[in-house]
Amino acid sequence: MKKTFKLHVEGKNNDRVLEAIKHEVRKYVKRERRKTLPKGVDYWAFDCKFGVTADVAEVVRLGELTKKMDEVAVAGGDSFFVEILAAHGIRKPREEGDHSIDDDEDLND
């Protein structure tokens, strides 16, 4: 998904437009995650960019997209650009020195 979203649409409440944009982004991510994983892939990762325009878009984490959208809306921006591309995610095995929380001794004390 590569798209420039307008925040100010004539005849519509700006807050509702922002919520509709967030819904569209979440729906896209959910749809991509439902796709069948290729062999050797553990999960779908997402490469995301966000900016006022496509030229100045910066790499961001998927979880930060809605915060960035809110920042532009609060600042009074007219539009913003979002790019989300699905990528193959492969989990790395845990190393010898790594300890999970279950391995720690008394955490309740």
Protein backbone atom coordinates (compact mmCIF):
# COMPACT_ATOMS: atom_id res chain seq x y z
CA MET A 1 0.00 0.00 0.00
CA LYS A 2 1.40 3.34 -1.07
CA LYS A 3 -1.09 6.10 -0.59
CA THR A 4 -1.45 9.77 0.23
CA PHE A 5 -4.40 10.38 2.53
CA LYS A 6 -6.23 13.70 2.75
CA LEU A 7 -7.32 14.74 6.23
CA HIS A 8 -9.72 17.51 5.21
CA VAL A 9 -12.64 16.38 3.09
CA GLU A 10 -15.44 18.84 2.46
CA GLY A 11 -18.66 17.87 4.22
CA LYS A 12 -17.00 15.37 6.56
CA ASN A 13 -15.83 15.68 10.14
CA ASN A 14 -12.00 15.70 10.25
CA ASP A 15 -11.92 13.36 13.25
CA ARG A 16 -14.07 10.81 11.43
CA VAL A 17 -11.87 11.05 8.34
CA LEU A 18 -8.79 10.29 10.48
CA GLU A 19 -10.52 7.30 12.09
CA ALA A 20 -11.54 6.00 8.64
CA ILE A 21 -7.92 6.24 7.47
CA LYS A 22 -6.70 4.32 10.53
CA HIS A 23 -9.37 1.69 9.89
CA GLU A 24 -8.26 1.31 6.27
CA VAL A 25 -4.61 0.84 7.32
CA ARG A 26 -5.53 -1.73 9.99
CA LYS A 27 -7.76 -3.57 7.52
CA TYR A 28 -4.93 -3.73 4.98
CA VAL A 29 -2.46 -5.12 7.55
CA LYS A 30 -5.00 -7.68 8.74
CA ARG A 31 -5.66 -8.78 5.15
CA GLU A 32 -1.92 -9.16 4.45
CA ARG A 33 -1.39 -11.21 7.63
CA ARG A 34 -4.08 -13.67 6.52
CA LYS A 35 -2.17 -14.57 3.38
CA THR A 36 -0.46 -17.95 3.31
CA LEU A 37 3.16 -17.86 4.39
CA PRO A 38 5.77 -19.16 1.93
CA LYS A 39 7.93 -22.11 3.03
CA GLY A 40 10.70 -21.13 5.41
CA VAL A 41 8.94 -17.96 6.58
CA ASP A 42 7.71 -17.67 10.19
CA TYR A 43 5.57 -14.51 10.03
CA TRP A 44 4.72 -11.44 7.99
CA ALA A 45 6.83 -8.40 8.80
CA PHE A 46 5.97 -4.94 7.47
CA ASP A 47 8.28 -2.29 6.09
CA CYS A 48 6.62 1.08 6.70
CA LYS A 49 7.30 4.67 5.72
CA PHE A 50 5.43 7.77 6.83
CA GLY A 51 5.72 11.42 5.92
CA VAL A 52 3.91 14.55 4.87
CA THR A 53 4.82 13.69 1.26
CA ALA A 54 6.31 10.62 -0.43
CA ASP A 55 9.60 12.46 -0.94
CA VAL A 56 10.20 13.11 2.76
CA ALA A 57 8.77 9.84 4.10
CA GLU A 58 10.84 8.21 6.84
CA VAL A 59 11.03 4.58 7.92
CA VAL A 60 8.84 3.88 10.98
CA ARG A 61 7.63 0.82 12.84
CA LEU A 62 4.12 -0.44 12.15
CA GLY A 63 3.05 0.30 15.73
CA GLU A 64 4.05 3.96 15.39
CA LEU A 65 1.91 4.70 12.33
CA THR A 66 -1.24 5.73 14.20
CA LYS A 67 0.77 7.98 16.52
CA LYS A 68 2.34 9.69 13.51
CA MET A 69 -1.11 10.12 11.92
CA ASP A 70 -2.38 11.74 15.12
CA GLU A 71 0.63 14.09 15.22
CA VAL A 72 -0.06 15.34 11.68
CA ALA A 73 -3.76 15.80 12.46
CA VAL A 74 -3.06 17.75 15.66
CA ALA A 75 -0.51 19.93 13.85
CA GLY A 76 -3.21 20.84 11.32
CA GLY A 77 -1.69 19.07 8.32
CA ASP A 78 -3.77 18.62 5.17
CA SER A 79 -2.47 15.19 4.13
CA PHE A 80 0.18 12.54 4.75
CA PHE A 81 1.80 9.65 2.89
CA VAL A 82 1.82 6.04 4.13
CA GLU A 83 3.70 3.12 2.60
CA ILE A 84 3.28 -0.39 3.98
CA LEU A 85 4.96 -3.34 2.28
CA ALA A 86 4.68 -6.93 3.51
CA ALA A 87 8.02 -8.68 4.01
CA HIS A 88 9.06 -12.16 5.06
CA GLY A 89 9.93 -12.49 8.73
CA ILE A 90 12.17 -15.28 10.00
CA ARG A 91 12.65 -15.78 13.72
CA LYS A 92 16.20 -16.18 14.96
CA PRO A 93 16.90 -19.00 17.43
CA ARG A 94 17.64 -17.92 20.97
CA GLU A 95 21.33 -17.77 21.82
CA GLU A 96 22.99 -19.72 24.65
CA GLY A 97 23.41 -16.67 26.92
CA ASP A 98 19.80 -15.52 26.64
CA HIS A 99 17.57 -16.29 29.60
CA SER A 100 13.83 -16.18 29.50
CA ILE A 101 11.81 -14.90 32.45
CA ASP A 102 11.04 -18.51 33.42
CA ASP A 103 14.74 -19.21 33.99
CA ASP A 104 15.13 -16.47 36.59
CA GLU A 105 15.02 -17.47 40.22
CA ASP A 106 12.46 -15.91 42.56
CA LEU A 107 10.82 -12.97 40.82
CA ASN A 108 8.02 -12.77 43.35
CA ASP A 109 10.27 -11.62 46.23
